[in-house]
Amino acid sequence: MIAYLPLHQINDLHDVEIREAISRVLDSGWYLKGEATRRFEEAYAEYIGTRHCIGCGNGLDALTLILRGYIELGVMQEGDEVIVPANTYIASILAITECGFNPVLVEPSLDTLQIDDTLIEQAITPRTRAIMIVHLYGRCAYTSRIGDICQKHHLKLIEDNAQAHGCTFEGRKTGSLGDAAGHSFYPGKNLGALGDAGAVTTNDDELAAVVRALGNYGSHQKYVHDYKGRNSRIDELQAAMLLAKLPHLDAANQRRKEIASLYINKVENPQIRIPQSDRDCVWHIFPIFCEQRDQLQQYLAKNGVETQIHYPIPPHKQRCYKEWSHLSLPITEQIHAQELSIPCHQAMTPAEVTVIVNLLNSLHP
């Protein structure tokens, strides 16, 4: 069986460094808000290209803390609107509704799979305060048009960078393109921890201070609580793990790009739509699209290839957002009905890639 994402093999690539990092934390006797967290936050901020990195519990918390921070700073208030792609993972939208904002769903482009920047401006109303772009699959969602729209309408630009560690736009890392960004270090991410972990990056000094306090029970100073905060902090073990893996991220992404390039250039089956080539994409997910998606998944499984679906049900069709069930978002619905994720990671062998290419090309109606 060719596994979709064998995390033990990926972590084994850096086994010695990871074990040494964990041992240092265990030996230190300090497991929260310690030296490993400080060093990782500094290193990741430098890598992304921002002044601040604030570790937190997970990617959903990162986005929620950003939005809560804007409430505390008086930039936004409950009832405001946030434009967001309709085809995102539900966490992007959960953060918006948790803070009392109204998500405005905008269709993606079928070519780029990212929010269609030609549709954004018509979705803006007097209550719009921000655009949240999602670098889905590891592909950059930012465009110069989006930047111009934010400037023209005085909107905050928030990046959901959960799937795009190391992705770039004109030489700048995603996570540094907007006013603030949320990052997830879930184990399966390109930069993955051994459990849940996340971070916020920003160049906004005021926002950074508020976000750090909000994730620490609303406190800048022990037992003094300025905000109704929460407990959302990265722990020392996760920070140490990420710090050990960060120097290898670009090389791992380069290997993903090489595998993606083979898929793009060698899969020739007209039944399967392959993503457009993108030299800056870091391919957290390599999605293919097929009208007979479920049959394709079964065919690959029968032949020893594990796949995943990202994601079978779009947000507006989820029970938790049943008030949106009447919405017609045909491009989003097509993507969610046809998407299949095939293996694409740095631990793959050339032989495994060849097997998958040959299976995809040999599929018949």
Protein backbone atom coordinates (compact mmCIF):
# COMPACT_ATOMS: atom_id res chain seq x y z
CA MET A 1 0.00 0.00 0.00
CA ILE A 2 1.25 3.48 -0.91
CA ALA A 3 0.14 5.51 2.10
CA TYR A 4 -1.38 8.93 1.57
CA LEU A 5 0.76 10.59 4.25
CA PRO A 6 2.96 8.29 6.40
CA LEU A 7 3.86 10.69 9.20
CA HIS A 8 6.28 8.25 10.83
CA GLN A 9 8.35 8.14 7.64
CA ILE A 10 8.32 11.93 7.31
CA ASN A 11 9.41 12.43 10.92
CA ASP A 12 12.00 9.66 10.61
CA LEU A 13 13.84 11.86 8.12
CA HIS A 14 14.82 14.07 11.08
CA ASP A 15 14.64 11.50 13.86
CA VAL A 16 17.88 12.40 15.65
CA GLU A 17 17.20 16.15 15.70
CA ILE A 18 13.61 15.65 16.88
CA ARG A 19 14.59 13.31 19.70
CA GLU A 20 17.37 15.64 20.84
CA ALA A 21 14.96 18.58 20.84
CA ILE A 22 12.40 16.70 22.90
CA SER A 23 15.07 15.52 25.35
CA ARG A 24 16.20 19.11 25.91
CA VAL A 25 12.66 20.08 26.86
CA LEU A 26 12.25 17.11 29.19
CA ASP A 27 15.57 17.85 30.84
CA SER A 28 14.73 21.53 31.26
CA GLY A 29 11.69 20.85 33.45
CA TRP A 30 9.94 23.82 31.76
CA TYR A 31 7.00 22.85 29.55
CA LEU A 32 5.08 26.06 28.74
CA LYS A 33 6.16 29.56 27.74
CA GLY A 34 9.82 28.64 27.88
CA GLU A 35 12.99 28.83 25.81
CA ALA A 36 11.81 26.51 23.02
CA THR A 37 8.70 28.60 22.43
CA ARG A 38 10.68 31.85 22.41
CA ARG A 39 13.23 30.46 19.96
CA PHE A 40 10.61 29.00 17.64
CA GLU A 41 8.54 32.20 17.58
CA GLU A 42 11.66 34.19 16.69
CA ALA A 43 12.78 31.72 14.02
CA TYR A 44 9.36 31.39 12.42
CA ALA A 45 8.80 35.17 12.37
CA GLU A 46 12.14 35.53 10.60
CA TYR A 47 11.27 32.75 8.16
CA ILE A 48 7.87 34.23 7.30
CA GLY A 49 9.20 37.79 7.24
CA THR A 50 7.15 39.44 9.98
CA ARG A 51 8.06 41.25 13.19
CA HIS A 52 5.87 39.02 15.33
CA CYS A 53 4.99 35.36 15.71
CA ILE A 54 2.72 34.33 18.59
CA GLY A 55 2.36 30.62 19.21
CA CYS A 56 -1.10 29.28 20.06
CA GLY A 57 -3.03 26.04 20.40
CA ASN A 58 -4.01 25.39 16.78
CA GLY A 59 -4.85 27.01 13.46
CA LEU A 60 -8.49 27.68 14.28
CA ASP A 61 -7.45 29.48 17.45
CA ALA A 62 -4.95 31.53 15.45
CA LEU A 63 -7.65 32.89 13.14
CA THR A 64 -10.07 33.41 16.03
CA LEU A 65 -7.48 35.30 18.08
CA ILE A 66 -6.78 37.63 15.15
CA LEU A 67 -10.47 38.47 14.79
CA ARG A 68 -10.92 38.82 18.55
CA GLY A 69 -7.90 41.10 18.57
CA TYR A 70 -9.54 43.40 16.06
CA ILE A 71 -12.65 43.55 18.25
CA GLU A 72 -10.59 44.51 21.30
CA LEU A 73 -8.77 47.18 19.28
CA GLY A 74 -12.09 48.66 18.12
CA VAL A 75 -11.38 47.89 14.46
CA MET A 76 -14.31 45.47 14.13
CA GLN A 77 -17.49 44.67 15.99
CA GLU A 78 -20.08 41.90 16.06
CA GLY A 79 -22.28 41.95 12.98
CA ASP A 80 -19.49 43.04 10.67
CA GLU A 81 -18.85 41.07 7.50
CA VAL A 82 -15.77 39.12 6.46
CA ILE A 83 -15.39 37.97 2.85
CA VAL A 84 -14.10 34.39 2.62
CA PRO A 85 -13.78 31.78 -0.14
CA ALA A 86 -16.75 29.42 -0.31
CA ASN A 87 -14.57 26.35 -0.93
CA THR A 88 -12.41 26.58 2.18
CA TYR A 89 -12.03 24.13 5.03
CA ILE A 90 -14.65 24.92 7.61
CA ALA A 91 -12.17 26.23 10.21
CA SER A 92 -11.82 29.49 8.26
CA ILE A 93 -15.54 30.10 8.61
CA LEU A 94 -15.83 28.82 12.18
CA ALA A 95 -13.38 31.51 13.31
CA ILE A 96 -15.52 34.20 11.69
CA THR A 97 -18.84 33.08 13.17
CA GLU A 98 -17.33 32.38 16.60
CA CYS A 99 -16.47 36.08 16.85
CA GLY A 100 -19.99 37.16 15.89
CA PHE A 101 -19.12 38.21 12.34
CA ASN A 102 -21.05 37.31 9.19
CA PRO A 103 -19.11 35.35 6.57
CA VAL A 104 -19.74 36.40 2.97
CA LEU A 105 -18.98 33.41 0.75
CA VAL A 106 -17.33 34.13 -2.60
CA GLU A 107 -16.86 31.51 -5.28
CA PRO A 108 -13.36 30.35 -6.30
CA SER A 109 -11.85 30.29 -9.76
CA LEU A 110 -11.96 26.83 -11.27
CA ASP A 111 -8.50 27.42 -12.73
CA THR A 112 -6.65 28.51 -9.59
CA LEU A 113 -8.96 26.88 -6.99
CA GLN A 114 -8.54 30.09 -4.94
CA ILE A 115 -11.04 32.89 -4.29
CA ASP A 116 -12.00 34.58 -7.57
CA ASP A 117 -10.67 38.10 -7.17
CA THR A 118 -12.99 39.36 -9.94
CA LEU A 119 -16.00 38.59 -7.72
CA ILE A 120 -14.79 40.14 -4.47
CA GLU A 121 -15.65 43.79 -5.01
CA GLN A 122 -19.30 43.10 -5.77
CA ALA A 123 -19.57 41.28 -2.42
CA ILE A 124 -18.46 44.34 -0.43
CA THR A 125 -21.12 46.17 1.61
CA PRO A 126 -20.98 48.99 4.16
CA ARG A 127 -20.52 46.30 6.87
CA THR A 128 -17.49 44.64 5.23
CA ARG A 129 -14.40 44.98 7.39
CA ALA A 130 -12.03 42.28 6.16
CA ILE A 131 -11.16 39.76 3.47
CA MET A 132 -9.88 36.38 4.60
CA ILE A 133 -7.93 34.61 1.89
CA VAL A 134 -7.12 30.92 2.25
CA HIS A 135 -3.97 29.53 0.65
CA LEU A 136 -5.75 26.26 -0.06
CA TYR A 137 -3.73 23.17 -1.05
CA GLY A 138 -0.50 25.16 -0.56
CA ARG A 139 -1.20 27.56 -3.46
CA CYS A 140 -1.01 31.32 -2.92
CA ALA A 141 -4.46 32.96 -2.91
CA TYR A 142 -3.13 36.52 -2.80
CA THR A 143 -3.24 38.67 -5.92
CA SER A 144 -2.32 42.30 -6.52
CA ARG A 145 -6.00 42.93 -7.26
CA ILE A 146 -6.92 41.73 -3.76
CA GLY A 147 -4.32 44.01 -2.25
CA ASP A 148 -5.69 46.96 -4.24
CA ILE A 149 -9.27 46.16 -3.16
CA CYS A 150 -8.26 46.12 0.50
CA GLN A 151 -6.50 49.45 0.15
CA LYS A 152 -9.34 51.04 -1.80
CA HIS A 153 -12.05 49.96 0.66
CA HIS A 154 -9.92 50.17 3.84
CA LEU A 155 -10.31 46.47 4.60
CA LYS A 156 -8.12 44.24 6.72
CA LEU A 157 -6.51 41.34 4.86
CA ILE A 158 -6.28 38.16 6.91
CA GLU A 159 -4.46 35.09 5.61
CA ASP A 160 -5.38 31.53 6.48
CA ASN A 161 -1.92 30.04 5.96
CA ALA A 162 -2.67 26.66 7.50
CA GLN A 163 -1.75 24.78 4.30
CA ALA A 164 0.99 26.93 2.80
CA HIS A 165 4.11 27.07 4.98
CA GLY A 166 6.88 28.30 2.70
CA CYS A 167 4.68 29.35 -0.22
CA THR A 168 5.66 32.66 -1.80
CA PHE A 169 4.26 35.55 -3.82
CA GLU A 170 6.86 37.58 -5.72
CA GLY A 171 9.54 36.52 -3.24
CA ARG A 172 7.50 37.17 -0.09
CA LYS A 173 6.21 34.35 2.09
CA THR A 174 2.50 33.80 2.53
CA GLY A 175 1.76 34.75 6.10
CA SER A 176 3.43 38.13 5.55
CA LEU A 177 1.26 39.46 2.71
CA GLY A 178 -1.69 40.74 4.73
CA ASP A 179 -2.33 42.45 8.05
CA ALA A 180 -2.20 39.17 9.98
CA ALA A 181 -2.09 35.44 9.30
CA GLY A 182 -3.12 32.27 11.07
CA HIS A 183 -0.95 29.15 10.79
CA SER A 184 -1.65 25.53 11.70
CA PHE A 185 1.04 23.01 12.63
CA TYR A 186 -1.28 20.02 12.74
CA PRO A 187 0.88 16.88 12.27
CA GLY A 188 -0.05 16.47 8.61
CA LYS A 189 0.95 20.00 7.57
CA ASN A 190 4.11 20.76 5.60
CA LEU A 191 5.56 21.95 8.91
CA GLY A 192 3.86 19.62 11.37
CA ALA A 193 4.09 19.14 15.12
CA LEU A 194 3.42 15.98 17.15
CA GLY A 195 -0.03 17.26 18.03
CA ASP A 196 -2.03 20.45 17.74
CA ALA A 197 -0.18 23.74 17.48
CA GLY A 198 -0.62 27.05 15.69
CA ALA A 199 0.64 30.61 15.40
CA VAL A 200 -0.27 34.14 14.40
CA THR A 201 2.15 36.25 12.37
CA THR A 202 1.81 40.00 11.90
CA ASN A 203 3.72 43.26 11.61
CA ASP A 204 1.08 45.06 13.69
CA ASP A 205 2.60 45.68 17.13
CA GLU A 206 -0.72 46.46 18.82
CA LEU A 207 -2.47 43.44 17.38
CA ALA A 208 0.41 41.16 18.35
CA ALA A 209 0.26 42.31 21.97
CA VAL A 210 -3.50 41.78 22.17
CA VAL A 211 -3.34 38.37 20.48
CA ARG A 212 -0.64 37.21 22.90
CA ALA A 213 -2.71 38.31 25.87
CA LEU A 214 -5.95 36.81 24.53
CA GLY A 215 -4.29 33.40 24.21
CA ASN A 216 -3.03 33.66 27.76
CA TYR A 217 -6.36 34.07 29.57
CA GLY A 218 -6.54 37.70 28.42
CA SER A 219 -3.49 38.56 30.51
CA HIS A 220 -0.34 40.57 29.82
CA GLN A 221 0.69 40.20 33.46
CA LYS A 222 0.13 37.20 35.69
CA TYR A 223 -3.24 37.37 37.51
CA VAL A 224 -4.12 40.67 35.79
CA HIS A 225 -6.71 40.10 33.04
CA ASP A 226 -7.44 42.88 30.55
CA TYR A 227 -9.60 40.77 28.21
CA LYS A 228 -11.96 37.82 28.38
CA GLY A 229 -9.32 35.55 26.92
CA ARG A 230 -8.78 31.84 26.51
CA ASN A 231 -6.05 29.29 27.11
CA SER A 232 -4.40 28.82 23.71
CA ARG A 233 -0.65 28.43 23.91
CA ILE A 234 1.87 26.34 22.05
CA ASP A 235 3.65 23.98 24.45
CA GLU A 236 7.40 23.56 24.70
CA LEU A 237 7.46 20.07 23.17
CA GLN A 238 5.61 21.19 20.06
CA ALA A 239 7.74 24.32 19.75
CA ALA A 240 10.92 22.26 20.05
CA MET A 241 9.67 19.78 17.44
CA LEU A 242 8.83 22.59 15.00
CA LEU A 243 12.12 24.35 15.63
CA ALA A 244 13.97 21.14 14.72
CA LYS A 245 12.00 20.69 11.50
CA LEU A 246 11.90 24.32 10.31
CA PRO A 247 15.40 24.32 8.73
CA HIS A 248 14.30 21.40 6.52
CA LEU A 249 11.00 22.93 5.37
CA ASP A 250 12.23 24.45 2.10
CA ALA A 251 13.92 21.20 1.04
CA ALA A 252 10.78 19.23 1.88
CA ASN A 253 8.67 21.67 -0.12
CA GLN A 254 11.07 21.39 -3.05
CA ARG A 255 10.62 17.62 -3.10
CA ARG A 256 6.82 18.10 -3.07
CA LYS A 257 7.18 20.47 -6.03
CA GLU A 258 9.23 17.88 -7.94
CA ILE A 259 6.58 15.21 -7.38
CA ALA A 260 3.78 17.62 -8.34
CA SER A 261 5.64 18.51 -11.54
CA LEU A 262 5.79 14.82 -12.48
CA TYR A 263 2.04 14.48 -11.95
CA ILE A 264 1.32 17.63 -13.96
CA ASN A 265 3.54 16.61 -16.86
CA LYS A 266 2.93 12.86 -16.99
CA VAL A 267 -0.77 12.33 -16.15
CA GLU A 268 -2.50 12.48 -19.52
CA ASN A 269 -5.86 10.85 -18.87
CA PRO A 270 -8.61 13.17 -20.20
CA GLN A 271 -11.00 11.93 -17.48
CA ILE A 272 -8.77 13.52 -14.84
CA ARG A 273 -8.24 17.25 -14.45
CA ILE A 274 -4.83 18.14 -13.04
CA PRO A 275 -4.10 21.48 -11.31
CA GLN A 276 -2.32 24.21 -13.19
CA SER A 277 1.44 24.33 -12.77
CA ASP A 278 2.55 26.81 -10.11
CA ARG A 279 6.23 27.08 -9.22
CA ASP A 280 5.47 28.81 -5.89
CA CYS A 281 2.87 26.30 -4.67
CA VAL A 282 4.16 24.05 -1.85
CA TRP A 283 1.57 21.31 -2.50
CA HIS A 284 0.33 20.55 0.98
CA ILE A 285 -2.36 18.75 -0.99
CA PHE A 286 -2.15 17.61 -4.60
CA PRO A 287 -5.78 17.61 -5.76
CA ILE A 288 -7.02 15.93 -8.90
CA PHE A 289 -10.58 16.21 -10.20
CA CYS A 290 -12.75 13.59 -11.77
CA GLU A 291 -16.49 13.39 -12.43
CA GLN A 292 -16.36 9.76 -11.24
CA ARG A 293 -14.33 10.69 -8.16
CA ASP A 294 -15.65 7.92 -5.89
CA GLN A 295 -15.01 5.23 -8.50
CA LEU A 296 -11.52 6.62 -9.04
CA GLN A 297 -10.81 6.47 -5.32
CA GLN A 298 -12.00 2.86 -5.19
CA TYR A 299 -9.88 1.98 -8.24
CA LEU A 300 -6.75 3.43 -6.64
CA ALA A 301 -7.44 1.73 -3.32
CA LYS A 302 -7.92 -1.62 -5.06
CA ASN A 303 -4.50 -1.10 -6.63
CA GLY A 304 -2.79 -0.18 -3.38
CA VAL A 305 -2.90 3.62 -3.34
CA GLU A 306 -4.42 5.45 -0.38
CA THR A 307 -6.13 8.78 -1.11
CA GLN A 308 -8.14 11.42 0.74
CA ILE A 309 -11.00 13.78 -0.16
CA HIS A 310 -10.55 17.46 0.72
CA TYR A 311 -13.42 18.06 1.36
CA PRO A 312 -16.55 15.98 0.65
CA ILE A 313 -19.11 18.52 1.93
CA PRO A 314 -18.74 22.27 1.30
CA PRO A 315 -19.29 24.60 4.27
CA HIS A 316 -22.63 25.93 3.04
CA LYS A 317 -24.01 22.38 2.96
CA GLN A 318 -22.89 21.50 6.49
CA ARG A 319 -25.59 20.99 9.11
CA CYS A 320 -24.00 23.54 11.44
CA TYR A 321 -24.63 26.21 8.78
CA LYS A 322 -28.06 24.98 7.71
CA GLU A 323 -29.16 28.60 7.26
CA TRP A 324 -27.03 28.61 4.09
CA SER A 325 -28.41 25.39 2.62
CA HIS A 326 -30.40 27.37 0.03
CA LEU A 327 -27.27 28.96 -1.43
CA SER A 328 -26.25 28.01 -4.94
CA LEU A 329 -22.46 27.97 -5.29
CA PRO A 330 -21.94 25.73 -8.33
CA ILE A 331 -18.18 26.07 -8.70
CA THR A 332 -17.59 25.29 -5.04
CA GLU A 333 -19.99 22.37 -5.23
CA GLN A 334 -18.24 21.01 -8.34
CA ILE A 335 -14.84 21.19 -6.64
CA HIS A 336 -16.10 19.40 -3.53
CA ALA A 337 -17.86 16.72 -5.60
CA GLN A 338 -14.86 15.97 -7.84
CA GLU A 339 -11.75 16.54 -5.70
CA LEU A 340 -9.45 13.64 -4.78
CA SER A 341 -6.08 14.09 -3.06
CA ILE A 342 -3.28 11.78 -4.11
CA PRO A 343 0.01 11.17 -2.24
CA CYS A 344 2.52 14.02 -2.56
CA HIS A 345 5.13 14.32 0.18
CA GLN A 346 8.88 14.36 0.73
CA ALA A 347 9.15 10.73 1.85
CA MET A 348 7.79 9.33 -1.44
CA THR A 349 10.03 7.24 -3.63
CA PRO A 350 10.31 7.69 -7.42
CA ALA A 351 8.86 4.21 -7.84
CA GLU A 352 5.74 5.16 -5.88
CA VAL A 353 5.20 8.24 -8.03
CA THR A 354 5.56 6.14 -11.18
CA VAL A 355 3.01 3.62 -9.92
CA ILE A 356 0.45 6.38 -9.29
CA VAL A 357 1.05 8.05 -12.66
CA ASN A 358 0.64 4.73 -14.47
CA LEU A 359 -2.56 3.89 -12.58
CA LEU A 360 -4.09 7.28 -13.38
CA ASN A 361 -3.19 6.96 -17.04
CA SER A 362 -4.55 3.41 -17.27
CA LEU A 363 -7.99 4.29 -15.89
CA HIS A 364 -10.73 3.66 -18.48
CA PRO A 365 -14.41 4.69 -18.52
